[in-house]
Structure formats: C-alpha cells, structure tokens
Amino acid sequence: MISDPMAVLVVLAAVVYVAIRLEEQYHLFRSLGSALVAILIALVLSNVGIIPGESPAYVFLVGPGVSVGIALILFSVDVRTVFSAGPTMLGAFAIGAVGTIAGAVTGAFLWSGMVGPETWKLSGQFTGTYTGGGVNFAAVGQAVGTSGDLFTAGIAADVIITAFWMAACLAAPLLFGGSSRKGASVTAEPSQADKDDAPDDSPDSLHRALFASARPLKLADVAGLVTLGIGTTWAAGWFGQLWPAVPSVLWLTTIALLLAQVPAVGRLSGSAMLGNYLVLLFLASNGASSVIAKIFEVGPGVFYFAATTVAIHGVVIFGVGRLVGIDAGTLAVASQANIGGPASAIALASARGYADRLLPGVAVGLLGYAAGNYLGLAVARIMQGVLGA
C-alpha cells in the first residue's frame, strides 16, 4: 500500500488528471463529469488497498486545500449574476431539511434496538449534521452528552455516507434529465457555440472559467492568486478563532467575495480554473477516504441509521422538489448544502458548472449552520420523550 502522504498526493493528482482526460475524450465520461469519475477511481483504489483510507494528504485537502480552492473560485464570482437563483434554492433547501428530519425520526424508530439507549441523541445529531454539515454534529452531540464511543461511530458513519452522497448528487442531474436553469449544464465543458455566444459577464462565463483560463496564465497572476487565496484562508481562520460563534466559512466567503468585486483581483487570470483543480483533488480525497470496511468497524446500527436518514432526505428533496418544478441541479446543490455544508455545495456547483448556484448554495449552507443546531436539539428532545430514554 502507498502510505507516504506525498506519494498519496501524487496518486490523487494522477486520478484527477485521468478523470479530466477521460472526460475530454469519451462521451460516457463527459456525461458523468470529471468530479464523479475522480471520486469513483479514488474509491476503488482505496478499497483494493493501493492507497489508504486515512492520510495526512486527505486532512490537508479537506482543510486548507479545499478552502483555498473555494476562495479562488469565489474570486471569479460577480454577485450581480446570482440573485435570480436565491428563492428557488431556499425552497429546495427547506424541502431537504424536512426530509432530513423525517429521515432521522424514521431511523430512530427502525434502529433503536441496535443503537441502544442513546438513539435519541444520535437522532438529534444526524438531524443537525444533515441540515447544515458536520459542524452541527459536534455541537448537538456536546449539548446532549453523547458518549465517546457512539460519538466516534457516528462521525465515521457520517463521513462514509457524506462521501457517497456527494457522488450521488453529482450523478442526480443526469438521472433526472439535467438542469433547466439559466447558466447550468450537465456536462463539465460547454460546447464551442456556447463559449462563443456567452457574454463575459454571464453566469456561463464562470462555468467556462472553471475549465480554462480566458487569458494567458502569467506567473504574476498565479503569484497574486496564491497570495490572496492563502491569505483569505488564513484571515478566515483568524476571524473564526476571534469570534467562534461565526463559522470560518462565513468569513472565507465574505472576504473572498469582497475581494472579487475589486477590479484588480478580477483581472487576475486563471482563478476559477486553479480553484476548480483544488476542488477536484478534494473530491478525489473524499472517494479515497470511503473505505467500505469501515462500515463494519463503526457498527451496523449506526451506519444504517445514517444511511436511512440520508436516503429519506434524498427521496423527499428530489421527489417533492421535482413535483413542484425545481430543477435537478438546484436540488443537488441544495442537498449538498444540507448534507455537507457550504463547502460541499460550492464543490458540487463548481464541479457541475452551475455558476448561478454558487452563492445561493453558500447562503443556504450557512443557513443550515444556524438552523441545524436548533432543529437537531428539538428532534433529540422529542425523540427522548417518544423513546422513553
């Protein structure tokens, strides 16, 4: 097994390269998208024992790596192009939150016999984490006093399910017939006609920028972007420590978007493309960390609980969402905002080229951070009474 972190990073870089080349050359892989292909390849490599399921390389990519990538992508966002997607995204997010609550309650009834007397605690934690991301899992768990063993098992199950759900959401627009919203596409690379026709300030211009630099990439541009990307990530962490009540991703998003409106930053070439590459590496690391053998280590009851919660969430958000006319692309981004938080929403939106969903995805993801703890604690206390704990 390849265990050296630098060697693991080389493998992930190769996985991303192969995924991009397959997408460029074959229609099947173009339909799947390089992000989903990278996840699947990395998942196979880790489960057959070529690369590990845990590595410092993954920790780096899940932390500062994807943060810098998100900042670089946001440097290319013109806030004037995204307002139209807000109400629809908010509705999709609300449907997803209802689905999460239904899933957590159903899972508690189904698996309480296997999980034990702390099932009500886990129902609250899964409600919180699948409303706005993993931050809420820890907050709700601390509030209800979840035992250490169950807490660890729940985190492991959450990581596995979240990684698989990212792959499912990347595939969902294909299964549901794509997206009808302006500026979206189910393929990673728009046609040449689209490239020629799209104005420079359209949402699709960001879509194109995710895969190619509009102008020649200069060393000075790269140097400036690296400085701004790392600086924004550091500043967001610093502000997050100074005011812990405000998630660092909010600072990251705010700082990056403010910088994006500065003309000098907008003129730096290659920002979205470089950020998209880091996001693809992050997604590949998600696939690699999904070792199927871990399912048996965390305990089947906890895993079934998490899987039930997310499965019912998926049925509700895509079933009800499509019935009320919301396109699959918006539903997929909103679902990622529920399950993985703002970073996952941005990762999916950029991987699928949904330029007009980047900021709405961030907005509802941050709403999930705020609402997840309240909903999680409410569900926990209700299930405590119902289950007689």
Protein backbone atom coordinates (compact mmCIF):
# COMPACT_ATOMS: atom_id res chain seq x y z
CA MET A 1 0.00 0.00 0.00
CA ILE A 2 1.17 3.54 -0.79
CA SER A 3 1.24 5.30 2.57
CA ASP A 4 3.66 8.24 2.25
CA PRO A 5 1.49 11.40 2.22
CA MET A 6 3.37 12.92 -0.72
CA ALA A 7 3.03 9.69 -2.69
CA VAL A 8 -0.68 9.57 -1.86
CA LEU A 9 -0.99 13.15 -3.11
CA VAL A 10 0.74 12.13 -6.34
CA VAL A 11 -1.79 9.32 -6.79
CA LEU A 12 -4.70 11.71 -6.21
CA ALA A 13 -3.22 14.18 -8.69
CA ALA A 14 -2.92 11.35 -11.22
CA VAL A 15 -6.52 10.34 -10.53
CA VAL A 16 -7.72 13.87 -11.27
CA TYR A 17 -5.62 14.02 -14.44
CA VAL A 18 -7.01 10.70 -15.70
CA ALA A 19 -10.57 11.79 -14.86
CA ILE A 20 -10.17 15.04 -16.79
CA ARG A 21 -8.64 13.29 -19.81
CA LEU A 22 -11.39 10.66 -19.83
CA GLU A 23 -13.99 13.40 -19.71
CA GLU A 24 -12.37 15.19 -22.65
CA GLN A 25 -12.11 12.12 -24.87
CA TYR A 26 -15.14 9.91 -24.20
CA HIS A 27 -18.83 10.77 -24.26
CA LEU A 28 -19.69 8.44 -21.34
CA PHE A 29 -17.19 10.08 -19.00
CA ARG A 30 -18.19 13.53 -20.29
CA SER A 31 -21.72 12.77 -19.18
CA LEU A 32 -20.56 11.60 -15.76
CA GLY A 33 -18.20 14.54 -15.25
CA SER A 34 -14.60 14.52 -14.08
CA ALA A 35 -15.58 15.08 -10.44
CA LEU A 36 -17.69 11.92 -10.20
CA VAL A 37 -15.11 9.93 -12.18
CA ALA A 38 -12.33 11.06 -9.82
CA ILE A 39 -14.38 10.05 -6.76
CA LEU A 40 -15.09 6.61 -8.18
CA ILE A 41 -11.49 5.93 -9.23
CA ALA A 42 -10.12 7.01 -5.84
CA LEU A 43 -12.77 4.95 -4.06
CA VAL A 44 -11.71 1.84 -5.96
CA LEU A 45 -8.01 2.47 -5.31
CA SER A 46 -8.54 2.81 -1.56
CA ASN A 47 -10.84 -0.19 -1.24
CA VAL A 48 -8.46 -2.53 -3.09
CA GLY A 49 -5.60 -1.39 -0.84
CA ILE A 50 -3.49 0.70 -3.22
CA ILE A 51 -3.90 3.89 -1.17
CA PRO A 52 -5.02 4.20 2.46
CA GLY A 53 -8.43 5.23 3.73
CA GLU A 54 -6.81 7.76 6.05
CA SER A 55 -3.85 10.01 5.25
CA PRO A 56 -2.47 13.43 6.19
CA ALA A 57 -2.88 14.25 2.50
CA TYR A 58 -6.65 13.93 2.88
CA VAL A 59 -6.60 16.06 6.02
CA PHE A 60 -4.79 18.81 4.12
CA LEU A 61 -7.19 18.68 1.18
CA VAL A 62 -10.30 18.65 3.38
CA GLY A 63 -8.92 21.60 5.35
CA PRO A 64 -6.75 24.33 3.82
CA GLY A 65 -6.67 22.70 0.38
CA VAL A 66 -10.37 23.00 -0.38
CA SER A 67 -10.59 26.33 1.49
CA VAL A 68 -8.05 27.90 -0.85
CA GLY A 69 -9.85 26.30 -3.80
CA ILE A 70 -13.18 27.77 -2.70
CA ALA A 71 -11.61 31.20 -2.25
CA LEU A 72 -10.07 31.07 -5.73
CA ILE A 73 -13.42 30.15 -7.29
CA LEU A 74 -15.23 32.89 -5.41
CA PHE A 75 -12.69 35.44 -6.66
CA SER A 76 -14.34 34.97 -10.06
CA VAL A 77 -17.92 35.49 -8.88
CA ASP A 78 -19.83 38.59 -9.91
CA VAL A 79 -22.59 38.88 -7.32
CA ARG A 80 -24.89 40.53 -9.88
CA THR A 81 -25.28 37.25 -11.78
CA VAL A 82 -26.61 35.05 -8.99
CA PHE A 83 -29.56 36.79 -7.35
CA SER A 84 -32.18 35.08 -9.52
CA ALA A 85 -31.42 31.61 -8.08
CA GLY A 86 -31.99 32.59 -4.44
CA PRO A 87 -35.70 31.88 -3.78
CA THR A 88 -35.64 28.57 -5.64
CA MET A 89 -32.53 27.43 -3.77
CA LEU A 90 -34.07 28.42 -0.45
CA GLY A 91 -37.18 26.38 -1.24
CA ALA A 92 -35.07 23.36 -2.22
CA PHE A 93 -33.05 23.68 0.97
CA ALA A 94 -36.22 23.81 3.10
CA ILE A 95 -37.57 20.67 1.43
CA GLY A 96 -34.25 18.96 2.13
CA ALA A 97 -34.35 19.96 5.80
CA VAL A 98 -37.84 18.47 6.16
CA GLY A 99 -36.56 15.29 4.51
CA THR A 100 -33.67 15.14 6.96
CA ILE A 101 -35.98 15.42 9.96
CA ALA A 102 -38.23 12.71 8.53
CA GLY A 103 -35.19 10.50 7.94
CA ALA A 104 -33.74 10.98 11.42
CA VAL A 105 -37.06 10.23 13.12
CA THR A 106 -37.67 7.17 10.94
CA GLY A 107 -34.13 5.93 11.51
CA ALA A 108 -34.53 6.28 15.27
CA PHE A 109 -37.61 4.06 15.27
CA LEU A 110 -36.06 1.50 12.92
CA TRP A 111 -32.64 1.10 14.54
CA SER A 112 -33.10 1.96 18.22
CA GLY A 113 -32.79 -1.71 19.10
CA MET A 114 -29.32 -1.91 17.51
CA VAL A 115 -28.04 1.54 18.54
CA GLY A 116 -29.19 1.42 22.17
CA PRO A 117 -30.49 3.88 24.77
CA GLU A 118 -28.66 6.85 23.22
CA THR A 119 -30.60 6.60 19.95
CA TRP A 120 -32.43 9.84 20.71
CA LYS A 121 -29.10 11.66 20.94
CA LEU A 122 -27.98 10.36 17.58
CA SER A 123 -31.31 11.35 16.02
CA GLY A 124 -30.60 14.95 17.01
CA GLN A 125 -27.01 14.81 15.79
CA PHE A 126 -27.96 13.37 12.40
CA THR A 127 -30.70 15.99 12.08
CA GLY A 128 -28.15 18.73 12.77
CA THR A 129 -25.37 17.42 10.55
CA TYR A 130 -27.70 16.64 7.62
CA THR A 131 -29.31 20.06 7.81
CA GLY A 132 -26.14 22.12 7.61
CA GLY A 133 -22.99 20.00 7.71
CA GLY A 134 -20.62 18.32 10.14
CA VAL A 135 -20.14 21.34 12.41
CA ASN A 136 -23.61 20.75 13.81
CA PHE A 137 -22.89 17.09 14.63
CA ALA A 138 -20.32 18.09 17.22
CA ALA A 139 -22.38 20.95 18.63
CA VAL A 140 -25.54 18.87 19.14
CA GLY A 141 -23.53 15.92 20.49
CA GLN A 142 -21.88 18.13 23.07
CA ALA A 143 -25.23 19.60 24.08
CA VAL A 144 -26.91 16.21 24.66
CA GLY A 145 -23.83 14.50 26.13
CA THR A 146 -23.33 11.69 23.62
CA SER A 147 -20.90 9.02 24.84
CA GLY A 148 -17.45 8.91 23.29
CA ASP A 149 -17.82 5.56 21.54
CA LEU A 150 -21.15 6.43 19.95
CA PHE A 151 -19.87 9.87 19.01
CA THR A 152 -16.87 8.37 17.20
CA ALA A 153 -19.02 5.75 15.47
CA GLY A 154 -21.45 8.44 14.33
CA ILE A 155 -18.67 10.56 12.85
CA ALA A 156 -17.26 7.59 10.95
CA ALA A 157 -20.69 6.71 9.54
CA ASP A 158 -21.30 10.35 8.65
CA VAL A 159 -18.01 10.58 6.72
CA ILE A 160 -18.79 7.47 4.69
CA ILE A 161 -22.39 8.44 3.90
CA THR A 162 -21.48 12.05 3.09
CA ALA A 163 -18.83 10.94 0.59
CA PHE A 164 -21.23 8.55 -1.13
CA TRP A 165 -23.96 11.20 -1.20
CA MET A 166 -21.62 13.64 -2.96
CA ALA A 167 -21.20 11.07 -5.72
CA ALA A 168 -24.97 10.54 -5.84
CA CYS A 169 -25.66 14.27 -6.14
CA LEU A 170 -23.11 14.60 -8.92
CA ALA A 171 -24.99 11.89 -10.81
CA ALA A 172 -28.50 13.13 -9.96
CA PRO A 173 -28.75 15.79 -12.72
CA LEU A 174 -28.02 13.04 -15.26
CA LEU A 175 -30.62 10.68 -13.81
CA PHE A 176 -33.29 13.39 -13.62
CA GLY A 177 -32.68 14.79 -17.08
CA GLY A 178 -30.28 17.61 -16.37
CA SER A 179 -30.98 21.19 -15.43
CA SER A 180 -33.19 23.78 -17.00
CA ARG A 181 -31.89 26.80 -15.16
CA LYS A 182 -30.00 29.56 -16.85
CA GLY A 183 -26.26 29.13 -16.83
CA ALA A 184 -26.28 25.44 -15.91
CA SER A 185 -25.15 22.42 -17.82
CA VAL A 186 -24.97 18.73 -17.08
CA THR A 187 -21.67 18.39 -18.89
CA ALA A 188 -18.43 19.64 -17.45
CA GLU A 189 -17.41 21.50 -20.59
CA PRO A 190 -19.81 23.67 -22.64
CA SER A 191 -19.94 23.45 -26.41
CA GLN A 192 -17.86 25.74 -28.59
CA ALA A 193 -21.01 27.55 -29.65
CA ASP A 194 -21.85 28.24 -26.03
CA LYS A 195 -18.34 29.56 -25.47
CA ASP A 196 -18.63 31.93 -28.40
CA ASP A 197 -22.15 33.16 -27.59
CA ALA A 198 -21.96 33.64 -23.82
CA PRO A 199 -21.19 37.23 -22.77
CA ASP A 200 -18.25 37.84 -20.48
CA ASP A 201 -20.48 38.80 -17.55
CA SER A 202 -22.91 35.87 -17.85
CA PRO A 203 -23.08 33.06 -15.29
CA ASP A 204 -21.79 30.75 -18.01
CA SER A 205 -18.57 32.78 -18.21
CA LEU A 206 -17.71 31.44 -14.74
CA HIS A 207 -18.68 27.96 -15.93
CA ARG A 208 -16.15 28.25 -18.76
CA ALA A 209 -13.54 29.76 -16.45
CA LEU A 210 -13.65 26.64 -14.27
CA PHE A 211 -12.04 24.65 -17.10
CA ALA A 212 -9.88 27.12 -19.00
CA SER A 213 -8.28 30.49 -18.42
CA ALA A 214 -9.84 33.20 -20.56
CA ARG A 215 -6.44 34.87 -20.95
CA PRO A 216 -2.89 33.51 -20.98
CA LEU A 217 -1.88 32.42 -17.48
CA LYS A 218 1.03 34.55 -16.27
CA LEU A 219 3.37 33.94 -13.38
CA ALA A 220 2.42 37.26 -11.81
CA ASP A 221 -1.26 36.24 -11.88
CA VAL A 222 -0.51 32.90 -10.20
CA ALA A 223 1.63 34.61 -7.57
CA GLY A 224 -1.14 37.08 -6.82
CA LEU A 225 -3.81 34.40 -6.65
CA VAL A 226 -1.75 32.17 -4.35
CA THR A 227 -1.14 35.12 -2.04
CA LEU A 228 -4.80 36.10 -1.97
CA GLY A 229 -6.05 32.51 -1.67
CA ILE A 230 -3.80 31.56 1.22
CA GLY A 231 -4.25 34.98 2.81
CA THR A 232 -8.04 34.72 2.66
CA THR A 233 -7.95 31.23 4.18
CA TRP A 234 -5.68 32.39 6.99
CA ALA A 235 -7.77 35.51 7.66
CA ALA A 236 -10.97 33.44 7.76
CA GLY A 237 -9.43 31.09 10.33
CA TRP A 238 -8.16 34.02 12.41
CA PHE A 239 -11.55 35.71 12.46
CA GLY A 240 -13.18 32.34 13.22
CA GLN A 241 -11.00 31.95 16.30
CA LEU A 242 -11.62 35.56 17.34
CA TRP A 243 -15.42 35.16 17.03
CA PRO A 244 -16.14 31.39 17.36
CA ALA A 245 -19.89 31.96 17.06
CA VAL A 246 -19.40 32.84 13.39
CA PRO A 247 -18.26 29.85 11.25
CA SER A 248 -14.93 30.39 9.50
CA VAL A 249 -16.53 29.51 6.15
CA LEU A 250 -18.65 32.65 6.53
CA TRP A 251 -15.52 34.74 6.91
CA LEU A 252 -13.90 32.92 3.99
CA THR A 253 -16.89 33.58 1.75
CA THR A 254 -17.27 37.20 2.80
CA ILE A 255 -13.62 38.10 2.36
CA ALA A 256 -13.34 36.28 -0.98
CA LEU A 257 -16.50 37.90 -2.36
CA LEU A 258 -15.41 41.37 -1.26
CA LEU A 259 -12.06 40.84 -2.96
CA ALA A 260 -13.81 39.54 -6.08
CA GLN A 261 -15.51 42.90 -6.55
CA VAL A 262 -12.13 44.67 -6.67
CA PRO A 263 -11.25 45.24 -10.36
CA ALA A 264 -7.57 44.38 -9.85
CA VAL A 265 -8.49 40.97 -8.43
CA GLY A 266 -10.97 40.34 -11.24
CA ARG A 267 -8.21 40.92 -13.77
CA LEU A 268 -6.06 38.09 -12.39
CA SER A 269 -6.23 35.24 -14.88
CA GLY A 270 -6.94 31.58 -14.03
CA SER A 271 -8.53 31.99 -10.60
CA ALA A 272 -11.57 29.75 -11.14
CA MET A 273 -9.59 27.14 -13.07
CA LEU A 274 -6.96 26.74 -10.34
CA GLY A 275 -9.65 26.68 -7.65
CA ASN A 276 -11.59 24.03 -9.54
CA TYR A 277 -8.47 21.84 -9.67
CA LEU A 278 -8.12 22.01 -5.88
CA VAL A 279 -11.81 21.14 -5.52
CA LEU A 280 -11.33 18.11 -7.77
CA LEU A 281 -8.43 16.95 -5.57
CA PHE A 282 -10.67 17.41 -2.53
CA LEU A 283 -13.42 15.32 -4.13
CA ALA A 284 -10.92 12.59 -5.02
CA SER A 285 -9.77 12.50 -1.39
CA ASN A 286 -13.43 12.09 -0.36
CA GLY A 287 -13.62 9.00 -2.52
CA ALA A 288 -10.34 7.65 -1.16
CA SER A 289 -11.46 8.05 2.46
CA SER A 290 -14.61 5.98 1.82
CA VAL A 291 -13.23 2.59 2.82
CA ILE A 292 -16.12 0.15 2.79
CA ALA A 293 -14.50 -1.96 5.54
CA LYS A 294 -15.06 0.93 7.97
CA ILE A 295 -18.76 0.20 7.81
CA PHE A 296 -18.23 -2.91 9.91
CA GLU A 297 -15.96 -1.10 12.34
CA VAL A 298 -18.44 1.63 13.28
CA GLY A 299 -21.26 -0.81 13.99
CA PRO A 300 -24.01 -1.65 11.54
CA GLY A 301 -26.76 0.01 13.56
CA VAL A 302 -25.14 3.44 13.49
CA PHE A 303 -24.33 3.11 9.80
CA TYR A 304 -27.89 2.00 8.97
CA PHE A 305 -29.19 4.97 10.97
CA ALA A 306 -27.10 7.46 8.99
CA ALA A 307 -27.91 5.77 5.68
CA THR A 308 -31.64 5.79 6.43
CA THR A 309 -31.58 9.48 7.32
CA VAL A 310 -29.82 10.47 4.11
CA ALA A 311 -31.83 8.08 1.93
CA ILE A 312 -35.15 9.54 3.11
CA HIS A 313 -33.72 13.04 2.75
CA GLY A 314 -32.86 12.18 -0.84
CA VAL A 315 -36.30 10.77 -1.63
CA VAL A 316 -38.01 13.85 -0.18
CA ILE A 317 -35.80 16.54 -1.72
CA PHE A 318 -35.68 15.03 -5.22
CA GLY A 319 -39.22 13.62 -5.13
CA VAL A 320 -41.04 16.66 -3.76
CA GLY A 321 -38.62 19.08 -5.41
CA ARG A 322 -39.25 17.70 -8.88
CA LEU A 323 -43.01 17.60 -8.25
CA VAL A 324 -43.03 21.34 -7.51
CA GLY A 325 -40.90 22.07 -10.58
CA ILE A 326 -37.42 22.65 -9.13
CA ASP A 327 -34.65 21.52 -11.49
CA ALA A 328 -32.32 18.68 -10.53
CA GLY A 329 -29.20 20.86 -10.50
CA THR A 330 -30.61 23.21 -7.87
CA LEU A 331 -31.87 20.26 -5.83
CA ALA A 332 -28.43 18.61 -5.95
CA VAL A 333 -26.64 21.76 -4.74
CA ALA A 334 -29.25 22.34 -2.02
CA SER A 335 -28.93 18.73 -0.90
CA GLN A 336 -25.17 19.12 -0.59
CA ALA A 337 -25.71 22.29 1.45
CA ASN A 338 -27.89 20.17 3.76
CA ILE A 339 -25.64 17.14 3.98
CA GLY A 340 -22.15 18.61 3.71
CA GLY A 341 -22.49 22.34 4.30
CA PRO A 342 -21.40 25.34 2.21
CA ALA A 343 -18.08 23.84 1.09
CA SER A 344 -19.80 20.77 -0.36
CA ALA A 345 -22.41 22.95 -2.07
CA ILE A 346 -19.68 25.02 -3.73
CA ALA A 347 -17.74 21.89 -4.67
CA LEU A 348 -20.74 20.35 -6.41
CA ALA A 349 -21.81 23.60 -8.09
CA SER A 350 -18.33 24.19 -9.47
CA ALA A 351 -17.84 20.56 -10.49
CA ARG A 352 -21.10 20.64 -12.47
CA GLY A 353 -20.58 24.16 -13.79
CA TYR A 354 -23.62 25.65 -12.04
CA ALA A 355 -22.26 29.18 -11.88
CA ASP A 356 -25.54 30.81 -10.80
CA ARG A 357 -25.85 28.41 -7.86
CA LEU A 358 -22.50 29.12 -6.18
CA LEU A 359 -23.59 31.95 -3.91
CA PRO A 360 -27.14 30.65 -3.28
CA GLY A 361 -25.54 27.32 -2.31
CA VAL A 362 -23.24 29.10 0.13
CA ALA A 363 -26.15 31.14 1.51
CA VAL A 364 -28.38 28.14 2.30
CA GLY A 365 -25.39 26.21 3.61
CA LEU A 366 -24.74 28.98 6.12
CA LEU A 367 -28.44 28.99 6.97
CA GLY A 368 -28.04 25.28 7.69
CA TYR A 369 -25.23 26.03 10.13
CA ALA A 370 -27.58 28.34 12.01
CA ALA A 371 -30.74 26.23 11.84
CA GLY A 372 -29.13 22.80 12.22
CA ASN A 373 -28.37 23.09 15.91
CA TYR A 374 -31.89 24.27 16.76
CA LEU A 375 -33.56 21.55 14.69
CA GLY A 376 -31.15 18.89 15.99
CA LEU A 377 -31.79 19.71 19.65
CA ALA A 378 -35.54 19.88 19.06
CA VAL A 379 -35.62 16.45 17.39
CA ALA A 380 -33.38 14.98 20.12
CA ARG A 381 -35.65 16.13 22.93
CA ILE A 382 -38.79 14.98 21.13
CA MET A 383 -37.30 11.55 20.44
CA GLN A 384 -36.07 11.33 24.04
CA GLY A 385 -39.68 11.61 25.17
CA VAL A 386 -41.06 9.31 22.48
CA LEU A 387 -38.47 6.55 23.01
CA GLY A 388 -38.70 6.85 26.79
CA ALA A 389 -34.96 7.44 27.29
